Amino acid sequence: MRYEGEREEGVSVEASPGFALLSRRGLLREVDGRMLAHLGVERLPEDVHSVEDLLAAVGFHPRPGAEGQWEREGRRVRAGETELEDGDRLLWLLPVERDEEQTRRQVHYLSLASHDLRGSLANVRSYAALLLHGRIPLEPKVKRGLETILRNIDRALSFSQDFFDSSRADLGMLACEEERQALEPLLAEAVEHQREASSAASVALLLEPSLALPEVNVDAGRVQHAVEAFIRHHLTRARPGEQLRVWAVPDDGQVRVEVRRDGVPLTKEEAALAFSREERAFREKKLEDALRLFLARQEVETLGGSVGIRTDEGGTTLFLTLPVALPTPTSFQA
């Protein structure tokens, strides 16, 4: 059995394998506490009969061209199993790190693709806006057509930005410019930016007063995007007459931001898959909302925070936490 001290295919020499015992009766038991961390799950699945069953059950897929490697939304592992003398099997996992030079090449490639795609879309948008808002008289049908073009291009630009940002985050290269600042203005801007969309959906959108909040050290654009992603996710499911509320509270050395929809809650299955980019896309046959919410999680985690979701009879709450900025050192004179 090969796993320690490897560098093949980017396997880290510092990484320690995680182990689990699979009994002849199909009972799976973790051995050392690292298996769950490597898989990125809270508990091991039931009713598995091999390491392949285990990985498939938690959403991993074989990595093309890399024998013995599996991946799931940017997380990669090598895996295998060994039969023991008593008939039980020892399953093991080892994290796989990306090659640094290959990562840089992939990020550069994504930058080129982003520039070419967004540049072309921006040119089309500029000419459409020029015609729409210029001095040339337009027939009503032509005007409506140009307005439709602008809306679709803005949607495509937003989606492409999310796609490329999420792809960079998969490589651990999501750009963030952290700065110490107050959180309240970011929440107010996010709510105001989604005011028109909520009105169109006949859904009330409220920013509730917050208690005195400590400053946070964050990238303002990333936090605003994440909060707007939560609002837009709720809006895609909200019924006319429902209500969205946004607020923030101090929470044990962090700041907790909650975006709640008062209305029909998500089902348990919908809530469990809320932040799953690929599974939701396959099920819903739509990419935008799943990608946007997944990117929100990537952005918050890059800033040292976390995201989550909870449901109750009265509605659904998406939330994120952000670490409080450290106090500014005080200078003392002798």
C-alpha atoms as a PDB file:
ATOM      1  CA  MET A   1       0.000   0.000   0.000  1.00  0.00           C
ATOM      2  CA  ARG A   2       1.515   3.330  -1.135  1.00  0.00           C
ATOM      3  CA  TYR A   3       0.631   6.691   0.383  1.00  0.00           C
ATOM      4  CA  GLU A   4       3.326   8.160   2.646  1.00  0.00           C
ATOM      5  CA  GLY A   5       6.102  10.444   1.412  1.00  0.00           C
ATOM      6  CA  GLU A   6       4.717  10.740  -2.121  1.00  0.00           C
ATOM      7  CA  ARG A   7       4.984  13.632  -4.542  1.00  0.00           C
ATOM      8  CA  GLU A   8       3.440  11.892  -7.530  1.00  0.00           C
ATOM      9  CA  GLU A   9       0.494  13.781  -9.026  1.00  0.00           C
ATOM     10  CA  GLY A  10       0.923  16.568  -6.468  1.00  0.00           C
ATOM     11  CA  VAL A  11       0.509  14.451  -3.328  1.00  0.00           C
ATOM     12  CA  SER A  12       1.930  16.379  -0.385  1.00  0.00           C
ATOM     13  CA  VAL A  13       4.730  14.908   1.709  1.00  0.00           C
ATOM     14  CA  GLU A  14       3.251  16.671   4.784  1.00  0.00           C
ATOM     15  CA  ALA A  15      -0.258  15.267   4.360  1.00  0.00           C
ATOM     16  CA  SER A  16      -1.296  12.396   6.610  1.00  0.00           C
ATOM     17  CA  PRO A  17      -3.688   9.748   5.317  1.00  0.00           C
ATOM     18  CA  GLY A  18      -7.089   9.232   6.847  1.00  0.00           C
ATOM     19  CA  PHE A  19      -8.229   5.705   7.657  1.00  0.00           C
ATOM     20  CA  ALA A  20     -11.513   3.890   8.143  1.00  0.00           C
ATOM     21  CA  LEU A  21     -12.341   0.236   8.802  1.00  0.00           C
ATOM     22  CA  LEU A  22     -14.985  -1.457   6.678  1.00  0.00           C
ATOM     23  CA  SER A  23     -16.239  -4.642   8.310  1.00  0.00           C
ATOM     24  CA  ARG A  24     -17.427  -7.718   6.466  1.00  0.00           C
ATOM     25  CA  ARG A  25     -20.962  -6.727   7.460  1.00  0.00           C
ATOM     26  CA  GLY A  26     -20.618  -3.351   5.753  1.00  0.00           C
ATOM     27  CA  LEU A  27     -20.111  -1.235   8.874  1.00  0.00           C
ATOM     28  CA  LEU A  28     -17.798   1.728   8.304  1.00  0.00           C
ATOM     29  CA  ARG A  29     -15.862   3.205  11.236  1.00  0.00           C
ATOM     30  CA  GLU A  30     -13.323   6.028  11.139  1.00  0.00           C
ATOM     31  CA  VAL A  31      -9.984   5.206  12.751  1.00  0.00           C
ATOM     32  CA  ASP A  32      -7.999   8.406  13.252  1.00  0.00           C
ATOM     33  CA  GLY A  33     -10.277  11.409  12.789  1.00  0.00           C
ATOM     34  CA  ARG A  34      -8.745  12.541   9.491  1.00  0.00           C
ATOM     35  CA  MET A  35     -11.032  10.739   7.052  1.00  0.00           C
ATOM     36  CA  LEU A  36     -13.910  13.182   7.588  1.00  0.00           C
ATOM     37  CA  ALA A  37     -11.617  16.193   7.182  1.00  0.00           C
ATOM     38  CA  HIS A  38     -10.183  14.852   3.916  1.00  0.00           C
ATOM     39  CA  LEU A  39     -13.676  14.172   2.571  1.00  0.00           C
ATOM     40  CA  GLY A  40     -15.040  17.511   3.776  1.00  0.00           C
ATOM     41  CA  VAL A  41     -18.132  15.936   5.384  1.00  0.00           C
ATOM     42  CA  GLU A  42     -19.547  15.784   8.907  1.00  0.00           C
ATOM     43  CA  ARG A  43     -20.206  12.035   9.025  1.00  0.00           C
ATOM     44  CA  LEU A  44     -19.450   8.914   7.020  1.00  0.00           C
ATOM     45  CA  PRO A  45     -22.214   7.457   4.854  1.00  0.00           C
ATOM     46  CA  GLU A  46     -23.923   4.172   5.630  1.00  0.00           C
ATOM     47  CA  ASP A  47     -24.269   1.068   3.495  1.00  0.00           C
ATOM     48  CA  VAL A  48     -20.979   1.203   1.585  1.00  0.00           C
ATOM     49  CA  HIS A  49     -19.034  -1.847   0.421  1.00  0.00           C
ATOM     50  CA  SER A  50     -15.829  -0.349  -0.977  1.00  0.00           C
ATOM     51  CA  VAL A  51     -13.775   2.828  -1.085  1.00  0.00           C
ATOM     52  CA  GLU A  52     -15.417   3.600  -4.422  1.00  0.00           C
ATOM     53  CA  ASP A  53     -18.849   3.392  -2.776  1.00  0.00           C
ATOM     54  CA  LEU A  54     -17.671   5.708  -0.016  1.00  0.00           C
ATOM     55  CA  LEU A  55     -16.366   8.368  -2.394  1.00  0.00           C
ATOM     56  CA  ALA A  56     -19.380   8.234  -4.676  1.00  0.00           C
ATOM     57  CA  ALA A  57     -21.738   8.510  -1.701  1.00  0.00           C
ATOM     58  CA  VAL A  58     -20.207  11.858  -0.663  1.00  0.00           C
ATOM     59  CA  GLY A  59     -20.147  13.302  -4.181  1.00  0.00           C
ATOM     60  CA  PHE A  60     -16.654  12.506  -5.448  1.00  0.00           C
ATOM     61  CA  HIS A  61     -16.007  11.466  -9.053  1.00  0.00           C
ATOM     62  CA  PRO A  62     -12.995   9.705 -10.605  1.00  0.00           C
ATOM     63  CA  ARG A  63     -10.528  12.238 -11.964  1.00  0.00           C
ATOM     64  CA  PRO A  64      -9.997  11.645 -15.712  1.00  0.00           C
ATOM     65  CA  GLY A  65      -6.465  10.636 -16.585  1.00  0.00           C
ATOM     66  CA  ALA A  66      -5.372  10.179 -12.957  1.00  0.00           C
ATOM     67  CA  GLU A  67      -5.751   6.596 -11.775  1.00  0.00           C
ATOM     68  CA  GLY A  68      -6.746   6.289  -8.141  1.00  0.00           C
ATOM     69  CA  GLN A  69      -7.651   9.970  -7.799  1.00  0.00           C
ATOM     70  CA  TRP A  70     -11.091  11.374  -7.087  1.00  0.00           C
ATOM     71  CA  GLU A  71     -12.349  14.956  -6.998  1.00  0.00           C
ATOM     72  CA  ARG A  72     -15.314  17.038  -5.896  1.00  0.00           C
ATOM     73  CA  GLU A  73     -15.635  20.777  -6.562  1.00  0.00           C
ATOM     74  CA  GLY A  74     -11.935  21.550  -6.226  1.00  0.00           C
ATOM     75  CA  ARG A  75     -11.145  18.948  -3.530  1.00  0.00           C
ATOM     76  CA  ARG A  76      -8.929  16.048  -4.665  1.00  0.00           C
ATOM     77  CA  VAL A  77      -7.906  12.833  -2.941  1.00  0.00           C
ATOM     78  CA  ARG A  78      -6.067   9.613  -3.667  1.00  0.00           C
ATOM     79  CA  ALA A  79      -7.816   6.587  -2.266  1.00  0.00           C
ATOM     80  CA  GLY A  80      -7.410   2.858  -1.878  1.00  0.00           C
ATOM     81  CA  GLU A  81      -8.179  -0.103   0.326  1.00  0.00           C
ATOM     82  CA  THR A  82      -6.385  -3.169   1.716  1.00  0.00           C
ATOM     83  CA  GLU A  83      -7.968  -6.425   2.860  1.00  0.00           C
ATOM     84  CA  LEU A  84      -7.005  -7.454   6.386  1.00  0.00           C
ATOM     85  CA  GLU A  85      -6.499 -10.979   7.708  1.00  0.00           C
ATOM     86  CA  ASP A  86      -9.877 -11.096   9.467  1.00  0.00           C
ATOM     87  CA  GLY A  87     -11.732 -10.187   6.271  1.00  0.00           C
ATOM     88  CA  ASP A  88     -12.269  -6.530   7.160  1.00  0.00           C
ATOM     89  CA  ARG A  89     -10.853  -3.863   4.868  1.00  0.00           C
ATOM     90  CA  LEU A  90      -8.782  -0.803   5.668  1.00  0.00           C
ATOM     91  CA  LEU A  91      -9.815   2.216   3.551  1.00  0.00           C
ATOM     92  CA  TRP A  92      -7.447   5.164   3.222  1.00  0.00           C
ATOM     93  CA  LEU A  93      -7.517   8.668   1.722  1.00  0.00           C
ATOM     94  CA  LEU A  94      -4.746  11.152   1.053  1.00  0.00           C
ATOM     95  CA  PRO A  95      -5.287  14.783  -0.017  1.00  0.00           C
ATOM     96  CA  VAL A  96      -3.823  15.792  -3.353  1.00  0.00           C
ATOM     97  CA  GLU A  97      -2.268  19.227  -3.737  1.00  0.00           C
ATOM     98  CA  ARG A  98      -2.171  21.024  -7.045  1.00  0.00           C
ATOM     99  CA  ASP A  99       1.144  21.605  -8.751  1.00  0.00           C
ATOM    100  CA  GLU A 100       2.058  25.267  -8.208  1.00  0.00           C
ATOM    101  CA  GLU A 101       3.307  25.929 -11.734  1.00  0.00           C
ATOM    102  CA  GLN A 102       0.297  24.193 -13.259  1.00  0.00           C
ATOM    103  CA  THR A 103      -1.991  26.253 -11.023  1.00  0.00           C
ATOM    104  CA  ARG A 104      -0.384  29.476 -12.226  1.00  0.00           C
ATOM    105  CA  ARG A 105      -0.820  28.386 -15.831  1.00  0.00           C
ATOM    106  CA  GLN A 106      -4.478  27.579 -15.253  1.00  0.00           C
ATOM    107  CA  VAL A 107      -5.099  30.941 -13.581  1.00  0.00           C
ATOM    108  CA  HIS A 108      -3.380  32.727 -16.468  1.00  0.00           C
ATOM    109  CA  TYR A 109      -5.499  30.775 -18.952  1.00  0.00           C
ATOM    110  CA  LEU A 110      -8.662  31.727 -17.054  1.00  0.00           C
ATOM    111  CA  SER A 111      -7.589  35.380 -17.124  1.00  0.00           C
ATOM    112  CA  LEU A 112      -7.150  35.282 -20.896  1.00  0.00           C
ATOM    113  CA  ALA A 113     -10.510  33.588 -21.372  1.00  0.00           C
ATOM    114  CA  SER A 114     -12.214  36.089 -19.069  1.00  0.00           C
ATOM    115  CA  HIS A 115     -10.673  39.046 -20.885  1.00  0.00           C
ATOM    116  CA  ASP A 116     -11.716  37.792 -24.325  1.00  0.00           C
ATOM    117  CA  LEU A 117     -15.260  36.856 -23.354  1.00  0.00           C
ATOM    118  CA  ARG A 118     -16.043  39.884 -21.210  1.00  0.00           C
ATOM    119  CA  GLY A 119     -14.406  42.227 -23.709  1.00  0.00           C
ATOM    120  CA  SER A 120     -16.633  41.002 -26.525  1.00  0.00           C
ATOM    121  CA  LEU A 121     -19.772  41.237 -24.392  1.00  0.00           C
ATOM    122  CA  ALA A 122     -18.829  44.702 -23.184  1.00  0.00           C
ATOM    123  CA  ASN A 123     -18.426  45.927 -26.768  1.00  0.00           C
ATOM    124  CA  VAL A 124     -21.870  44.664 -27.709  1.00  0.00           C
ATOM    125  CA  ARG A 125     -23.323  46.286 -24.615  1.00  0.00           C
ATOM    126  CA  SER A 126     -21.673  49.623 -25.367  1.00  0.00           C
ATOM    127  CA  TYR A 127     -23.086  49.794 -28.891  1.00  0.00           C
ATOM    128  CA  ALA A 128     -26.558  48.713 -27.741  1.00  0.00           C
ATOM    129  CA  ALA A 129     -26.541  51.372 -25.010  1.00  0.00           C
ATOM    130  CA  LEU A 130     -25.334  53.992 -27.488  1.00  0.00           C
ATOM    131  CA  LEU A 131     -28.217  53.237 -29.820  1.00  0.00           C
ATOM    132  CA  LEU A 132     -30.752  53.082 -27.018  1.00  0.00           C
ATOM    133  CA  HIS A 133     -29.742  56.297 -25.277  1.00  0.00           C
ATOM    134  CA  GLY A 134     -28.485  58.227 -28.281  1.00  0.00           C
ATOM    135  CA  ARG A 135     -30.218  60.875 -30.359  1.00  0.00           C
ATOM    136  CA  ILE A 136     -31.451  58.489 -33.040  1.00  0.00           C
ATOM    137  CA  PRO A 137     -35.259  58.066 -32.928  1.00  0.00           C
ATOM    138  CA  LEU A 138     -36.209  54.420 -32.418  1.00  0.00           C
ATOM    139  CA  GLU A 139     -39.398  52.579 -33.145  1.00  0.00           C
ATOM    140  CA  PRO A 140     -40.964  51.038 -30.007  1.00  0.00           C
ATOM    141  CA  LYS A 141     -40.217  47.493 -31.195  1.00  0.00           C
ATOM    142  CA  VAL A 142     -36.554  48.330 -31.833  1.00  0.00           C
ATOM    143  CA  LYS A 143     -36.286  50.028 -28.442  1.00  0.00           C
ATOM    144  CA  ARG A 144     -37.708  46.987 -26.663  1.00  0.00           C
ATOM    145  CA  GLY A 145     -35.276  44.773 -28.557  1.00  0.00           C
ATOM    146  CA  LEU A 146     -32.288  46.868 -27.453  1.00  0.00           C
ATOM    147  CA  GLU A 147     -33.511  46.847 -23.850  1.00  0.00           C
ATOM    148  CA  THR A 148     -33.719  43.051 -24.012  1.00  0.00           C
ATOM    149  CA  ILE A 149     -30.177  42.887 -25.421  1.00  0.00           C
ATOM    150  CA  LEU A 150     -28.865  45.029 -22.556  1.00  0.00           C
ATOM    151  CA  ARG A 151     -30.582  42.914 -19.902  1.00  0.00           C
ATOM    152  CA  ASN A 152     -29.265  39.672 -21.369  1.00  0.00           C
ATOM    153  CA  ILE A 153     -25.734  41.016 -21.750  1.00  0.00           C
ATOM    154  CA  ASP A 154     -25.703  42.281 -18.154  1.00  0.00           C
ATOM    155  CA  ARG A 155     -26.847  38.837 -17.063  1.00  0.00           C
ATOM    156  CA  ALA A 156     -24.152  37.161 -19.163  1.00  0.00           C
ATOM    157  CA  LEU A 157     -21.459  39.500 -17.807  1.00  0.00           C
ATOM    158  CA  SER A 158     -22.515  38.773 -14.240  1.00  0.00           C
ATOM    159  CA  PHE A 159     -22.596  35.032 -14.837  1.00  0.00           C
ATOM    160  CA  SER A 160     -19.201  34.997 -16.560  1.00  0.00           C
ATOM    161  CA  GLN A 161     -17.656  36.981 -13.702  1.00  0.00           C
ATOM    162  CA  ASP A 162     -19.027  34.468 -11.185  1.00  0.00           C
ATOM    163  CA  PHE A 163     -17.847  31.536 -13.296  1.00  0.00           C
ATOM    164  CA  PHE A 164     -14.276  32.776 -13.607  1.00  0.00           C
ATOM    165  CA  ASP A 165     -14.096  33.862  -9.952  1.00  0.00           C
ATOM    166  CA  SER A 166     -15.321  30.450  -8.799  1.00  0.00           C
ATOM    167  CA  SER A 167     -12.834  28.721 -11.094  1.00  0.00           C
ATOM    168  CA  ARG A 168     -10.009  30.800  -9.595  1.00  0.00           C
ATOM    169  CA  ALA A 169     -11.265  29.962  -6.105  1.00  0.00           C
ATOM    170  CA  ASP A 170     -11.112  26.253  -6.997  1.00  0.00           C
ATOM    171  CA  LEU A 171      -7.403  26.813  -7.610  1.00  0.00           C
ATOM    172  CA  GLY A 172      -6.962  28.711  -4.355  1.00  0.00           C
ATOM    173  CA  MET A 173      -6.323  31.938  -6.264  1.00  0.00           C
ATOM    174  CA  LEU A 174      -9.425  34.050  -5.637  1.00  0.00           C
ATOM    175  CA  ALA A 175      -8.358  37.695  -5.516  1.00  0.00           C
ATOM    176  CA  CYS A 176      -9.301  39.493  -2.292  1.00  0.00           C
ATOM    177  CA  GLU A 177      -8.293  42.947  -1.069  1.00  0.00           C
ATOM    178  CA  GLU A 178      -9.012  42.970   2.649  1.00  0.00           C
ATOM    179  CA  GLU A 179      -9.498  46.245   4.467  1.00  0.00           C
ATOM    180  CA  ARG A 180     -10.655  47.147   7.955  1.00  0.00           C
ATOM    181  CA  GLN A 181     -14.134  48.660   7.705  1.00  0.00           C
ATOM    182  CA  ALA A 182     -17.661  48.852   9.074  1.00  0.00           C
ATOM    183  CA  LEU A 183     -20.102  46.200   7.906  1.00  0.00           C
ATOM    184  CA  GLU A 184     -23.332  48.222   8.008  1.00  0.00           C
ATOM    185  CA  PRO A 185     -22.694  50.219   4.780  1.00  0.00           C
ATOM    186  CA  LEU A 186     -21.960  47.013   2.860  1.00  0.00           C
ATOM    187  CA  LEU A 187     -25.269  45.505   3.947  1.00  0.00           C
ATOM    188  CA  ALA A 188     -27.145  48.704   3.063  1.00  0.00           C
ATOM    189  CA  GLU A 189     -25.562  48.753  -0.414  1.00  0.00           C
ATOM    190  CA  ALA A 190     -26.382  45.082  -1.011  1.00  0.00           C
ATOM    191  CA  VAL A 191     -30.027  45.586  -0.031  1.00  0.00           C
ATOM    192  CA  GLU A 192     -30.385  48.733  -2.126  1.00  0.00           C
ATOM    193  CA  HIS A 193     -28.854  47.002  -5.132  1.00  0.00           C
ATOM    194  CA  GLN A 194     -31.539  44.278  -4.971  1.00  0.00           C
ATOM    195  CA  ARG A 195     -34.437  46.626  -4.237  1.00  0.00           C
ATOM    196  CA  GLU A 196     -35.682  46.718  -7.829  1.00  0.00           C
ATOM    197  CA  ALA A 197     -35.573  42.919  -8.187  1.00  0.00           C
ATOM    198  CA  SER A 198     -37.522  42.435  -4.954  1.00  0.00           C
ATOM    199  CA  SER A 199     -40.153  44.960  -6.049  1.00  0.00           C
ATOM    200  CA  ALA A 200     -40.534  43.177  -9.382  1.00  0.00           C
ATOM    201  CA  ALA A 201     -41.133  39.921  -7.473  1.00  0.00           C
ATOM    202  CA  SER A 202     -43.657  41.640  -5.142  1.00  0.00           C
ATOM    203  CA  VAL A 203     -41.486  40.688  -2.172  1.00  0.00           C
ATOM    204  CA  ALA A 204     -40.670  43.104   0.659  1.00  0.00           C
ATOM    205  CA  LEU A 205     -36.936  43.530   1.308  1.00  0.00           C
ATOM    206  CA  LEU A 206     -35.996  45.018   4.683  1.00  0.00           C
ATOM    207  CA  LEU A 207     -32.665  45.898   6.285  1.00  0.00           C
ATOM    208  CA  GLU A 208     -33.251  45.607  10.004  1.00  0.00           C
ATOM    209  CA  PRO A 209     -31.360  47.868  12.432  1.00  0.00           C
ATOM    210  CA  SER A 210     -28.269  46.192  13.848  1.00  0.00           C
ATOM    211  CA  LEU A 211     -26.713  46.435  17.274  1.00  0.00           C
ATOM    212  CA  ALA A 212     -23.353  48.181  17.487  1.00  0.00           C
ATOM    213  CA  LEU A 213     -21.120  45.991  15.336  1.00  0.00           C
ATOM    214  CA  PRO A 214     -17.348  45.677  15.558  1.00  0.00           C
ATOM    215  CA  GLU A 215     -15.355  46.406  12.421  1.00  0.00           C
ATOM    216  CA  VAL A 216     -14.366  43.555  10.137  1.00  0.00           C
ATOM    217  CA  ASN A 217     -11.308  43.058   7.953  1.00  0.00           C
ATOM    218  CA  VAL A 218     -12.810  42.016   4.618  1.00  0.00           C
ATOM    219  CA  ASP A 219     -12.962  42.608   0.891  1.00  0.00           C
ATOM    220  CA  ALA A 220     -16.041  44.823   0.600  1.00  0.00           C
ATOM    221  CA  GLY A 221     -16.927  43.606  -2.893  1.00  0.00           C
ATOM    222  CA  ARG A 222     -16.755  39.961  -1.878  1.00  0.00           C
ATOM    223  CA  VAL A 223     -18.969  40.430   1.170  1.00  0.00           C
ATOM    224  CA  GLN A 224     -21.510  42.463  -0.785  1.00  0.00           C
ATOM    225  CA  HIS A 225     -21.589  39.816  -3.521  1.00  0.00           C
ATOM    226  CA  ALA A 226     -22.196  37.072  -0.942  1.00  0.00           C
ATOM    227  CA  VAL A 227     -25.057  38.950   0.739  1.00  0.00           C
ATOM    228  CA  GLU A 228     -26.632  39.757  -2.638  1.00  0.00           C
ATOM    229  CA  ALA A 229     -26.277  36.096  -3.623  1.00  0.00           C
ATOM    230  CA  PHE A 230     -28.282  35.151  -0.525  1.00  0.00           C
ATOM    231  CA  ILE A 231     -30.969  37.719  -1.368  1.00  0.00           C
ATOM    232  CA  ARG A 232     -31.188  36.595  -4.993  1.00  0.00           C
ATOM    233  CA  HIS A 233     -31.398  32.944  -3.962  1.00  0.00           C
ATOM    234  CA  HIS A 234     -34.386  33.754  -1.774  1.00  0.00           C
ATOM    235  CA  LEU A 235     -35.980  35.837  -4.527  1.00  0.00           C
ATOM    236  CA  THR A 236     -35.861  32.917  -6.965  1.00  0.00           C
ATOM    237  CA  ARG A 237     -38.053  30.948  -4.560  1.00  0.00           C
ATOM    238  CA  ALA A 238     -40.114  33.669  -2.899  1.00  0.00           C
ATOM    239  CA  ARG A 239     -43.832  33.948  -3.511  1.00  0.00           C
ATOM    240  CA  PRO A 240     -45.575  37.310  -3.930  1.00  0.00           C
ATOM    241  CA  GLY A 241     -46.315  38.810  -0.542  1.00  0.00           C
ATOM    242  CA  GLU A 242     -43.452  37.096   1.266  1.00  0.00           C
ATOM    243  CA  GLN A 243     -40.761  39.087   3.048  1.00  0.00           C
ATOM    244  CA  LEU A 244     -36.945  39.113   3.085  1.00  0.00           C
ATOM    245  CA  ARG A 245     -35.051  40.503   6.058  1.00  0.00           C
ATOM    246  CA  VAL A 246     -31.333  41.232   6.407  1.00  0.00           C
ATOM    247  CA  TRP A 247     -29.558  41.897   9.700  1.00  0.00           C
ATOM    248  CA  ALA A 248     -26.244  41.384  11.497  1.00  0.00           C
ATOM    249  CA  VAL A 249     -25.295  40.624  15.114  1.00  0.00           C
ATOM    250  CA  PRO A 250     -22.041  40.116  17.057  1.00  0.00           C
ATOM    251  CA  ASP A 251     -21.462  36.412  17.604  1.00  0.00           C
ATOM    252  CA  ASP A 252     -18.641  35.183  19.866  1.00  0.00           C
ATOM    253  CA  GLY A 253     -15.694  36.994  18.280  1.00  0.00           C
ATOM    254  CA  GLN A 254     -17.364  37.108  14.876  1.00  0.00           C
ATOM    255  CA  VAL A 255     -20.091  39.030  13.100  1.00  0.00           C
ATOM    256  CA  ARG A 256     -23.024  37.009  11.873  1.00  0.00           C
ATOM    257  CA  VAL A 257     -25.055  38.212   8.878  1.00  0.00           C
ATOM    258  CA  GLU A 258     -28.453  36.614   8.329  1.00  0.00           C
ATOM    259  CA  VAL A 259     -30.710  36.843   5.281  1.00  0.00           C
ATOM    260  CA  ARG A 260     -34.114  35.367   6.037  1.00  0.00           C
ATOM    261  CA  ARG A 261     -37.134  34.678   3.871  1.00  0.00           C
ATOM    262  CA  ASP A 262     -40.349  34.621   5.870  1.00  0.00           C
ATOM    263  CA  GLY A 263     -42.583  32.268   3.934  1.00  0.00           C
ATOM    264  CA  VAL A 264     -42.690  28.695   2.666  1.00  0.00           C
ATOM    265  CA  PRO A 265     -39.397  27.082   3.792  1.00  0.00           C
ATOM    266  CA  LEU A 266     -37.060  25.034   1.653  1.00  0.00           C
ATOM    267  CA  THR A 267     -37.395  21.273   1.935  1.00  0.00           C
ATOM    268  CA  LYS A 268     -34.697  19.375   3.838  1.00  0.00           C
ATOM    269  CA  GLU A 269     -33.251  18.153   0.536  1.00  0.00           C
ATOM    270  CA  GLU A 270     -33.186  21.652  -0.959  1.00  0.00           C
ATOM    271  CA  ALA A 271     -31.501  23.035   2.142  1.00  0.00           C
ATOM    272  CA  ALA A 272     -28.893  20.264   2.169  1.00  0.00           C
ATOM    273  CA  LEU A 273     -27.958  21.039  -1.457  1.00  0.00           C
ATOM    274  CA  ALA A 274     -28.159  24.844  -1.235  1.00  0.00           C
ATOM    275  CA  PHE A 275     -24.399  25.409  -1.579  1.00  0.00           C
ATOM    276  CA  SER A 276     -23.748  22.504  -3.969  1.00  0.00           C
ATOM    277  CA  ARG A 277     -22.711  23.948  -7.316  1.00  0.00           C
ATOM    278  CA  GLU A 278     -22.726  20.884  -9.527  1.00  0.00           C
ATOM    279  CA  GLU A 279     -25.481  18.770  -7.987  1.00  0.00           C
ATOM    280  CA  ARG A 280     -27.961  21.633  -8.065  1.00  0.00           C
ATOM    281  CA  ALA A 281     -27.018  22.507 -11.642  1.00  0.00           C
ATOM    282  CA  PHE A 282     -27.615  18.923 -12.769  1.00  0.00           C
ATOM    283  CA  ARG A 283     -30.923  18.686 -10.916  1.00  0.00           C
ATOM    284  CA  GLU A 284     -32.284  22.111 -11.789  1.00  0.00           C
ATOM    285  CA  LYS A 285     -30.720  22.297 -15.275  1.00  0.00           C
ATOM    286  CA  LYS A 286     -29.744  25.869 -14.445  1.00  0.00           C
ATOM    287  CA  LEU A 287     -26.318  27.146 -13.480  1.00  0.00           C
ATOM    288  CA  GLU A 288     -26.649  30.750 -12.326  1.00  0.00           C
ATOM    289  CA  ASP A 289     -28.117  30.552  -8.825  1.00  0.00           C
ATOM    290  CA  ALA A 290     -26.197  27.400  -7.884  1.00  0.00           C
ATOM    291  CA  LEU A 291     -22.923  28.947  -9.048  1.00  0.00           C
ATOM    292  CA  ARG A 292     -23.637  32.289  -7.386  1.00  0.00           C
ATOM    293  CA  LEU A 293     -24.388  30.708  -3.996  1.00  0.00           C
ATOM    294  CA  PHE A 294     -21.386  28.384  -4.236  1.00  0.00           C
ATOM    295  CA  LEU A 295     -19.134  31.356  -5.033  1.00  0.00           C
ATOM    296  CA  ALA A 296     -20.574  33.177  -2.013  1.00  0.00           C
ATOM    297  CA  ARG A 297     -19.350  30.324   0.152  1.00  0.00           C
ATOM    298  CA  GLN A 298     -15.922  30.415  -1.498  1.00  0.00           C
ATOM    299  CA  GLU A 299     -15.667  34.177  -0.944  1.00  0.00           C
ATOM    300  CA  VAL A 300     -16.656  34.018   2.715  1.00  0.00           C
ATOM    301  CA  GLU A 301     -14.346  31.072   3.443  1.00  0.00           C
ATOM    302  CA  THR A 302     -11.454  32.874   1.731  1.00  0.00           C
ATOM    303  CA  LEU A 303     -12.019  35.734   4.186  1.00  0.00           C
ATOM    304  CA  GLY A 304     -11.851  33.308   7.122  1.00  0.00           C
ATOM    305  CA  GLY A 305     -15.601  33.001   7.658  1.00  0.00           C
ATOM    306  CA  SER A 306     -18.257  30.361   7.136  1.00  0.00           C
ATOM    307  CA  VAL A 307     -21.756  30.001   5.680  1.00  0.00           C
ATOM    308  CA  GLY A 308     -24.806  27.957   6.573  1.00  0.00           C
ATOM    309  CA  ILE A 309     -28.536  27.515   6.222  1.00  0.00           C
ATOM    310  CA  ARG A 310     -31.378  26.648   8.562  1.00  0.00           C
ATOM    311  CA  THR A 311     -35.095  26.185   8.062  1.00  0.00           C
ATOM    312  CA  ASP A 312     -38.133  26.227  10.315  1.00  0.00           C
ATOM    313  CA  GLU A 313     -41.876  26.368   9.882  1.00  0.00           C
ATOM    314  CA  GLY A 314     -41.761  30.112   9.279  1.00  0.00           C
ATOM    315  CA  GLY A 315     -39.112  30.278   6.590  1.00  0.00           C
ATOM    316  CA  THR A 316     -35.476  29.840   5.560  1.00  0.00           C
ATOM    317  CA  THR A 317     -32.375  31.672   6.775  1.00  0.00           C
ATOM    318  CA  LEU A 318     -29.052  31.836   4.954  1.00  0.00           C
ATOM    319  CA  PHE A 319     -26.231  33.129   7.125  1.00  0.00           C
ATOM    320  CA  LEU A 320     -22.532  33.916   7.012  1.00  0.00           C
ATOM    321  CA  THR A 321     -19.984  34.709   9.689  1.00  0.00           C
ATOM    322  CA  LEU A 322     -16.975  36.995   9.387  1.00  0.00           C
ATOM    323  CA  PRO A 323     -14.068  37.337  11.835  1.00  0.00           C
ATOM    324  CA  VAL A 324     -13.868  40.588  13.773  1.00  0.00           C
ATOM    325  CA  ALA A 325     -10.908  42.811  12.919  1.00  0.00           C
ATOM    326  CA  LEU A 326      -8.150  42.724  15.524  1.00  0.00           C
ATOM    327  CA  PRO A 327      -7.795  45.819  17.712  1.00  0.00           C
ATOM    328  CA  THR A 328      -5.359  48.443  16.465  1.00  0.00           C
ATOM    329  CA  PRO A 329      -2.140  48.278  18.503  1.00  0.00           C
ATOM    330  CA  THR A 330      -1.841  51.172  20.974  1.00  0.00           C
ATOM    331  CA  SER A 331       1.473  53.001  21.261  1.00  0.00           C
ATOM    332  CA  PHE A 332       2.769  53.681  24.718  1.00  0.00           C
ATOM    333  CA  GLN A 333       5.326  56.272  25.675  1.00  0.00           C
ATOM    334  CA  ALA A 334       7.882  55.551  28.365  1.00  0.00           C
END
